[in-house]
Amino acid sequence: MNNRLKVLRAERNWSQQDLAQRLAVSRQSVNAIETGKYDPSLPLAFRIAETFGMSIEAIFLRGGDPPPS
């Protein structure tokens, strides 16, 4: 699943470790989500959306959808 996690994290000057601590997951989990190697569980997707103050749909994109400008 494509996502905007890396961009959103960078906009806030957060490291992967910073985001991992906010989400109560490992840095490796954040990396795997950012690179599309792992799709988060629904509860984790909700925590991610809440952390960024956005909807899940604004962060996670369907397979062929391009990222918003």
PDB file of N, CA and C in Angstrom:
ATOM      1  N   MET A   1       0.845  -1.165   0.000  1.00  0.00           N
ATOM      2  CA  MET A   1       0.000   0.000   0.000  1.00  0.00           C
ATOM      3  C   MET A   1       0.900   1.241   0.000  1.00  0.00           C
ATOM      4  N   ASN A   2       0.633   2.150  -0.905  1.00  0.00           N
ATOM      5  CA  ASN A   2       1.380   3.399  -0.941  1.00  0.00           C
ATOM      6  C   ASN A   2       0.948   4.293   0.212  1.00  0.00           C
ATOM      7  N   ASN A   3       1.876   5.118   0.676  1.00  0.00           N
ATOM      8  CA  ASN A   3       1.523   6.024   1.763  1.00  0.00           C
ATOM      9  C   ASN A   3       2.403   7.266   1.723  1.00  0.00           C
ATOM     10  N   ARG A   4       1.993   8.270   2.469  1.00  0.00           N
ATOM     11  CA  ARG A   4       2.710   9.553   2.543  1.00  0.00           C
ATOM     12  C   ARG A   4       3.466   9.694   3.853  1.00  0.00           C
ATOM     13  N   LEU A   5       3.673   8.605   4.547  1.00  0.00           N
ATOM     14  CA  LEU A   5       4.241   8.647   5.883  1.00  0.00           C
ATOM     15  C   LEU A   5       5.610   9.318   5.923  1.00  0.00           C
ATOM     16  N   LYS A   6       6.496   8.966   5.011  1.00  0.00           N
ATOM     17  CA  LYS A   6       7.846   9.533   5.022  1.00  0.00           C
ATOM     18  C   LYS A   6       7.806  11.049   4.823  1.00  0.00           C
ATOM     19  N   VAL A   7       6.973  11.509   3.900  1.00  0.00           N
ATOM     20  CA  VAL A   7       6.856  12.940   3.625  1.00  0.00           C
ATOM     21  C   VAL A   7       6.280  13.670   4.836  1.00  0.00           C
ATOM     22  N   LEU A   8       5.233  13.127   5.414  1.00  0.00           N
ATOM     23  CA  LEU A   8       4.601  13.758   6.570  1.00  0.00           C
ATOM     24  C   LEU A   8       5.559  13.814   7.754  1.00  0.00           C
ATOM     25  N   ARG A   9       6.319  12.756   7.935  1.00  0.00           N
ATOM     26  CA  ARG A   9       7.298  12.704   9.021  1.00  0.00           C
ATOM     27  C   ARG A   9       8.390  13.746   8.791  1.00  0.00           C
ATOM     28  N   ALA A  10       8.876  13.836   7.561  1.00  0.00           N
ATOM     29  CA  ALA A  10       9.934  14.797   7.230  1.00  0.00           C
ATOM     30  C   ALA A  10       9.457  16.237   7.399  1.00  0.00           C
ATOM     31  N   GLU A  11       8.199  16.506   7.065  1.00  0.00           N
ATOM     32  CA  GLU A  11       7.654  17.860   7.230  1.00  0.00           C
ATOM     33  C   GLU A  11       7.696  18.312   8.684  1.00  0.00           C
ATOM     34  N   ARG A  12       7.673  17.358   9.594  1.00  0.00           N
ATOM     35  CA  ARG A  12       7.696  17.679  11.021  1.00  0.00           C
ATOM     36  C   ARG A  12       9.090  17.530  11.616  1.00  0.00           C
ATOM     37  N   ASN A  13      10.067  17.208  10.767  1.00  0.00           N
ATOM     38  CA  ASN A  13      11.452  16.986  11.215  1.00  0.00           C
ATOM     39  C   ASN A  13      11.551  15.886  12.266  1.00  0.00           C
ATOM     40  N   TRP A  14      10.735  14.837  12.097  1.00  0.00           N
ATOM     41  CA  TRP A  14      10.766  13.690  12.985  1.00  0.00           C
ATOM     42  C   TRP A  14      11.617  12.604  12.352  1.00  0.00           C
ATOM     43  N   SER A  15      12.435  11.963  13.145  1.00  0.00           N
ATOM     44  CA  SER A  15      13.155  10.780  12.676  1.00  0.00           C
ATOM     45  C   SER A  15      12.192   9.594  12.718  1.00  0.00           C
ATOM     46  N   GLN A  16      12.609   8.493  12.130  1.00  0.00           N
ATOM     47  CA  GLN A  16      11.790   7.286  12.215  1.00  0.00           C
ATOM     48  C   GLN A  16      11.635   6.876  13.677  1.00  0.00           C
ATOM     49  N   GLN A  17      12.695   7.059  14.460  1.00  0.00           N
ATOM     50  CA  GLN A  17      12.624   6.715  15.879  1.00  0.00           C
ATOM     51  C   GLN A  17      11.631   7.609  16.617  1.00  0.00           C
ATOM     52  N   ASP A  18      11.616   8.903  16.290  1.00  0.00           N
ATOM     53  CA  ASP A  18      10.643   9.816  16.915  1.00  0.00           C
ATOM     54  C   ASP A  18       9.220   9.342  16.658  1.00  0.00           C
ATOM     55  N   LEU A  19       8.927   9.028  15.396  1.00  0.00           N
ATOM     56  CA  LEU A  19       7.580   8.577  15.052  1.00  0.00           C
ATOM     57  C   LEU A  19       7.275   7.238  15.719  1.00  0.00           C
ATOM     58  N   ALA A  20       8.247   6.349  15.727  1.00  0.00           N
ATOM     59  CA  ALA A  20       8.051   5.042  16.358  1.00  0.00           C
ATOM     60  C   ALA A  20       7.664   5.200  17.826  1.00  0.00           C
ATOM     61  N   GLN A  21       8.324   6.108  18.530  1.00  0.00           N
ATOM     62  CA  GLN A  21       8.004   6.329  19.941  1.00  0.00           C
ATOM     63  C   GLN A  21       6.591   6.875  20.104  1.00  0.00           C
ATOM     64  N   ARG A  22       6.191   7.781  19.220  1.00  0.00           N
ATOM     65  CA  ARG A  22       4.842   8.351  19.290  1.00  0.00           C
ATOM     66  C   ARG A  22       3.774   7.277  19.037  1.00  0.00           C
ATOM     67  N   LEU A  23       4.119   6.286  18.208  1.00  0.00           N
ATOM     68  CA  LEU A  23       3.166   5.240  17.845  1.00  0.00           C
ATOM     69  C   LEU A  23       3.283   3.987  18.706  1.00  0.00           C
ATOM     70  N   ALA A  24       4.311   3.939  19.556  1.00  0.00           N
ATOM     71  CA  ALA A  24       4.579   2.763  20.392  1.00  0.00           C
ATOM     72  C   ALA A  24       4.855   1.517  19.546  1.00  0.00           C
ATOM     73  N   VAL A  25       5.690   1.711  18.509  1.00  0.00           N
ATOM     74  CA  VAL A  25       6.155   0.603  17.664  1.00  0.00           C
ATOM     75  C   VAL A  25       7.662   0.738  17.502  1.00  0.00           C
ATOM     76  N   SER A  26       8.287  -0.216  16.847  1.00  0.00           N
ATOM     77  CA  SER A  26       9.728  -0.142  16.618  1.00  0.00           C
ATOM     78  C   SER A  26      10.048   0.758  15.423  1.00  0.00           C
ATOM     79  N   ARG A  27      11.279   1.250  15.399  1.00  0.00           N
ATOM     80  CA  ARG A  27      11.729   2.040  14.259  1.00  0.00           C
ATOM     81  C   ARG A  27      11.673   1.191  12.990  1.00  0.00           C
ATOM     82  N   GLN A  28      11.966  -0.096  13.120  1.00  0.00           N
ATOM     83  CA  GLN A  28      11.923  -0.997  11.968  1.00  0.00           C
ATOM     84  C   GLN A  28      10.507  -1.095  11.406  1.00  0.00           C
ATOM     85  N   SER A  29       9.508  -1.042  12.266  1.00  0.00           N
ATOM     86  CA  SER A  29       8.115  -1.072  11.801  1.00  0.00           C
ATOM     87  C   SER A  29       7.788   0.179  10.997  1.00  0.00           C
ATOM     88  N   VAL A  30       8.237   1.336  11.479  1.00  0.00           N
ATOM     89  CA  VAL A  30       8.013   2.584  10.742  1.00  0.00           C
ATOM     90  C   VAL A  30       8.680   2.497   9.380  1.00  0.00           C
ATOM     91  N   ASN A  31       9.916   2.003   9.335  1.00  0.00           N
ATOM     92  CA  ASN A  31      10.623   1.871   8.067  1.00  0.00           C
ATOM     93  C   ASN A  31       9.883   0.934   7.120  1.00  0.00           C
ATOM     94  N   ALA A  32       9.403  -0.184   7.633  1.00  0.00           N
ATOM     95  CA  ALA A  32       8.704  -1.160   6.796  1.00  0.00           C
ATOM     96  C   ALA A  32       7.401  -0.581   6.240  1.00  0.00           C
ATOM     97  N   ILE A  33       6.696   0.217   7.035  1.00  0.00           N
ATOM     98  CA  ILE A  33       5.460   0.851   6.555  1.00  0.00           C
ATOM     99  C   ILE A  33       5.798   1.885   5.489  1.00  0.00           C
ATOM    100  N   GLU A  34       6.805   2.709   5.751  1.00  0.00           N
ATOM    101  CA  GLU A  34       7.193   3.755   4.798  1.00  0.00           C
ATOM    102  C   GLU A  34       7.598   3.176   3.438  1.00  0.00           C
ATOM    103  N   THR A  35       8.271   2.052   3.455  1.00  0.00           N
ATOM    104  CA  THR A  35       8.756   1.456   2.207  1.00  0.00           C
ATOM    105  C   THR A  35       7.753   0.503   1.567  1.00  0.00           C
ATOM    106  N   GLY A  36       6.585   0.355   2.194  1.00  0.00           N
ATOM    107  CA  GLY A  36       5.546  -0.497   1.621  1.00  0.00           C
ATOM    108  C   GLY A  36       5.767  -1.976   1.817  1.00  0.00           C
ATOM    109  N   LYS A  37       6.702  -2.347   2.694  1.00  0.00           N
ATOM    110  CA  LYS A  37       6.964  -3.762   2.956  1.00  0.00           C
ATOM    111  C   LYS A  37       5.993  -4.340   3.977  1.00  0.00           C
ATOM    112  N   TYR A  38       5.279  -3.455   4.658  1.00  0.00           N
ATOM    113  CA  TYR A  38       4.355  -3.875   5.715  1.00  0.00           C
ATOM    114  C   TYR A  38       3.167  -2.929   5.702  1.00  0.00           C
ATOM    115  N   ASP A  39       1.970  -3.497   5.731  1.00  0.00           N
ATOM    116  CA  ASP A  39       0.751  -2.697   5.859  1.00  0.00           C
ATOM    117  C   ASP A  39       0.345  -2.711   7.326  1.00  0.00           C
ATOM    118  N   PRO A  40       0.111  -1.526   7.908  1.00  0.00           N
ATOM    119  CA  PRO A  40      -0.228  -1.487   9.328  1.00  0.00           C
ATOM    120  C   PRO A  40      -1.602  -2.091   9.596  1.00  0.00           C
ATOM    121  N   SER A  41      -1.759  -2.579  10.805  1.00  0.00           N
ATOM    122  CA  SER A  41      -3.077  -3.044  11.237  1.00  0.00           C
ATOM    123  C   SER A  41      -4.011  -1.841  11.274  1.00  0.00           C
ATOM    124  N   LEU A  42      -5.294  -2.090  11.308  1.00  0.00           N
ATOM    125  CA  LEU A  42      -6.261  -0.995  11.360  1.00  0.00           C
ATOM    126  C   LEU A  42      -6.071  -0.135  12.619  1.00  0.00           C
ATOM    127  N   PRO A  43      -5.886  -0.742  13.808  1.00  0.00           N
ATOM    128  CA  PRO A  43      -5.648   0.107  14.983  1.00  0.00           C
ATOM    129  C   PRO A  43      -4.395   0.984  14.833  1.00  0.00           C
ATOM    130  N   LEU A  44      -3.332   0.435  14.242  1.00  0.00           N
ATOM    131  CA  LEU A  44      -2.117   1.229  14.035  1.00  0.00           C
ATOM    132  C   LEU A  44      -2.360   2.319  12.998  1.00  0.00           C
ATOM    133  N   ALA A  45      -3.093   2.019  11.952  1.00  0.00           N
ATOM    134  CA  ALA A  45      -3.418   3.036  10.948  1.00  0.00           C
ATOM    135  C   ALA A  45      -4.185   4.187  11.584  1.00  0.00           C
ATOM    136  N   PHE A  46      -5.096   3.873  12.499  1.00  0.00           N
ATOM    137  CA  PHE A  46      -5.824   4.930  13.210  1.00  0.00           C
ATOM    138  C   PHE A  46      -4.882   5.754  14.084  1.00  0.00           C
ATOM    139  N   ARG A  47      -3.920   5.094  14.756  1.00  0.00           N
ATOM    140  CA  ARG A  47      -2.954   5.840  15.586  1.00  0.00           C
ATOM    141  C   ARG A  47      -2.093   6.749  14.719  1.00  0.00           C
ATOM    142  N   ILE A  48      -1.693   6.262  13.548  1.00  0.00           N
ATOM    143  CA  ILE A  48      -0.896   7.072  12.633  1.00  0.00           C
ATOM    144  C   ILE A  48      -1.696   8.300  12.200  1.00  0.00           C
ATOM    145  N   ALA A  49      -2.935   8.081  11.788  1.00  0.00           N
ATOM    146  CA  ALA A  49      -3.783   9.185  11.340  1.00  0.00           C
ATOM    147  C   ALA A  49      -3.981  10.199  12.463  1.00  0.00           C
ATOM    148  N   GLU A  50      -4.223   9.718  13.664  1.00  0.00           N
ATOM    149  CA  GLU A  50      -4.416  10.613  14.815  1.00  0.00           C
ATOM    150  C   GLU A  50      -3.139  11.399  15.110  1.00  0.00           C
ATOM    151  N   THR A  51      -1.995  10.751  15.013  1.00  0.00           N
ATOM    152  CA  THR A  51      -0.718  11.411  15.277  1.00  0.00           C
ATOM    153  C   THR A  51      -0.483  12.579  14.331  1.00  0.00           C
ATOM    154  N   PHE A  52      -0.884  12.401  13.067  1.00  0.00           N
ATOM    155  CA  PHE A  52      -0.697  13.462  12.074  1.00  0.00           C
ATOM    156  C   PHE A  52      -1.913  14.377  11.940  1.00  0.00           C
ATOM    157  N   GLY A  53      -2.987  14.086  12.673  1.00  0.00           N
ATOM    158  CA  GLY A  53      -4.186  14.919  12.594  1.00  0.00           C
ATOM    159  C   GLY A  53      -4.835  14.875  11.223  1.00  0.00           C
ATOM    160  N   MET A  54      -4.814  13.693  10.616  1.00  0.00           N
ATOM    161  CA  MET A  54      -5.350  13.518   9.269  1.00  0.00           C
ATOM    162  C   MET A  54      -6.228  12.273   9.236  1.00  0.00           C
ATOM    163  N   SER A  55      -6.956  12.123   8.140  1.00  0.00           N
ATOM    164  CA  SER A  55      -7.728  10.895   7.959  1.00  0.00           C
ATOM    165  C   SER A  55      -6.801   9.789   7.436  1.00  0.00           C
ATOM    166  N   ILE A  56      -7.208   8.568   7.645  1.00  0.00           N
ATOM    167  CA  ILE A  56      -6.438   7.435   7.125  1.00  0.00           C
ATOM    168  C   ILE A  56      -6.299   7.558   5.610  1.00  0.00           C
ATOM    169  N   GLU A  57      -7.386   7.948   4.942  1.00  0.00           N
ATOM    170  CA  GLU A  57      -7.379   8.056   3.480  1.00  0.00           C
ATOM    171  C   GLU A  57      -6.405   9.111   2.982  1.00  0.00           C
ATOM    172  N   ALA A  58      -6.113  10.114   3.792  1.00  0.00           N
ATOM    173  CA  ALA A  58      -5.166  11.167   3.397  1.00  0.00           C
ATOM    174  C   ALA A  58      -3.724  10.702   3.511  1.00  0.00           C
ATOM    175  N   ILE A  59      -3.484   9.634   4.252  1.00  0.00           N
ATOM    176  CA  ILE A  59      -2.125   9.131   4.458  1.00  0.00           C
ATOM    177  C   ILE A  59      -1.852   7.897   3.608  1.00  0.00           C
ATOM    178  N   PHE A  60      -2.811   6.987   3.581  1.00  0.00           N
ATOM    179  CA  PHE A  60      -2.630   5.724   2.858  1.00  0.00           C
ATOM    180  C   PHE A  60      -3.395   5.774   1.546  1.00  0.00           C
ATOM    181  N   LEU A  61      -2.704   5.438   0.469  1.00  0.00           N
ATOM    182  CA  LEU A  61      -3.243   5.554  -0.881  1.00  0.00           C
ATOM    183  C   LEU A  61      -3.482   4.175  -1.465  1.00  0.00           C
ATOM    184  N   ARG A  62      -4.539   4.063  -2.263  1.00  0.00           N
ATOM    185  CA  ARG A  62      -4.781   2.801  -2.976  1.00  0.00           C
ATOM    186  C   ARG A  62      -3.639   2.563  -3.950  1.00  0.00           C
ATOM    187  N   GLY A  63      -3.428   1.312  -4.287  1.00  0.00           N
ATOM    188  CA  GLY A  63      -2.323   0.879  -5.134  1.00  0.00           C
ATOM    189  C   GLY A  63      -1.928   1.791  -6.273  1.00  0.00           C
ATOM    190  N   GLY A  64      -2.856   2.170  -7.141  1.00  0.00           N
ATOM    191  CA  GLY A  64      -2.492   2.957  -8.316  1.00  0.00           C
ATOM    192  C   GLY A  64      -2.654   4.446  -8.152  1.00  0.00           C
ATOM    193  N   ASP A  65      -3.120   4.900  -6.997  1.00  0.00           N
ATOM    194  CA  ASP A  65      -3.351   6.323  -6.815  1.00  0.00           C
ATOM    195  C   ASP A  65      -2.031   7.065  -6.636  1.00  0.00           C
ATOM    196  N   PRO A  66      -1.849   8.168  -7.358  1.00  0.00           N
ATOM    197  CA  PRO A  66      -0.637   8.974  -7.151  1.00  0.00           C
ATOM    198  C   PRO A  66      -0.771   9.779  -5.869  1.00  0.00           C
ATOM    199  N   PRO A  67       0.347  10.129  -5.230  1.00  0.00           N
ATOM    200  CA  PRO A  67       0.259  10.975  -4.045  1.00  0.00           C
ATOM    201  C   PRO A  67      -0.296  12.347  -4.397  1.00  0.00           C
ATOM    202  N   PRO A  68      -1.086  12.940  -3.496  1.00  0.00           N
ATOM    203  CA  PRO A  68      -1.619  14.272  -3.771  1.00  0.00           C
ATOM    204  C   PRO A  68      -0.505  15.304  -3.843  1.00  0.00           C
ATOM    205  N   SER A  69      -0.722  16.353  -4.620  1.00  0.00           N
ATOM    206  CA  SER A  69       0.294  17.407  -4.756  1.00  0.00           C
ATOM    207  C   SER A  69       0.304  18.318  -3.567  1.00  0.00           C
TER     208      SER A  69
END
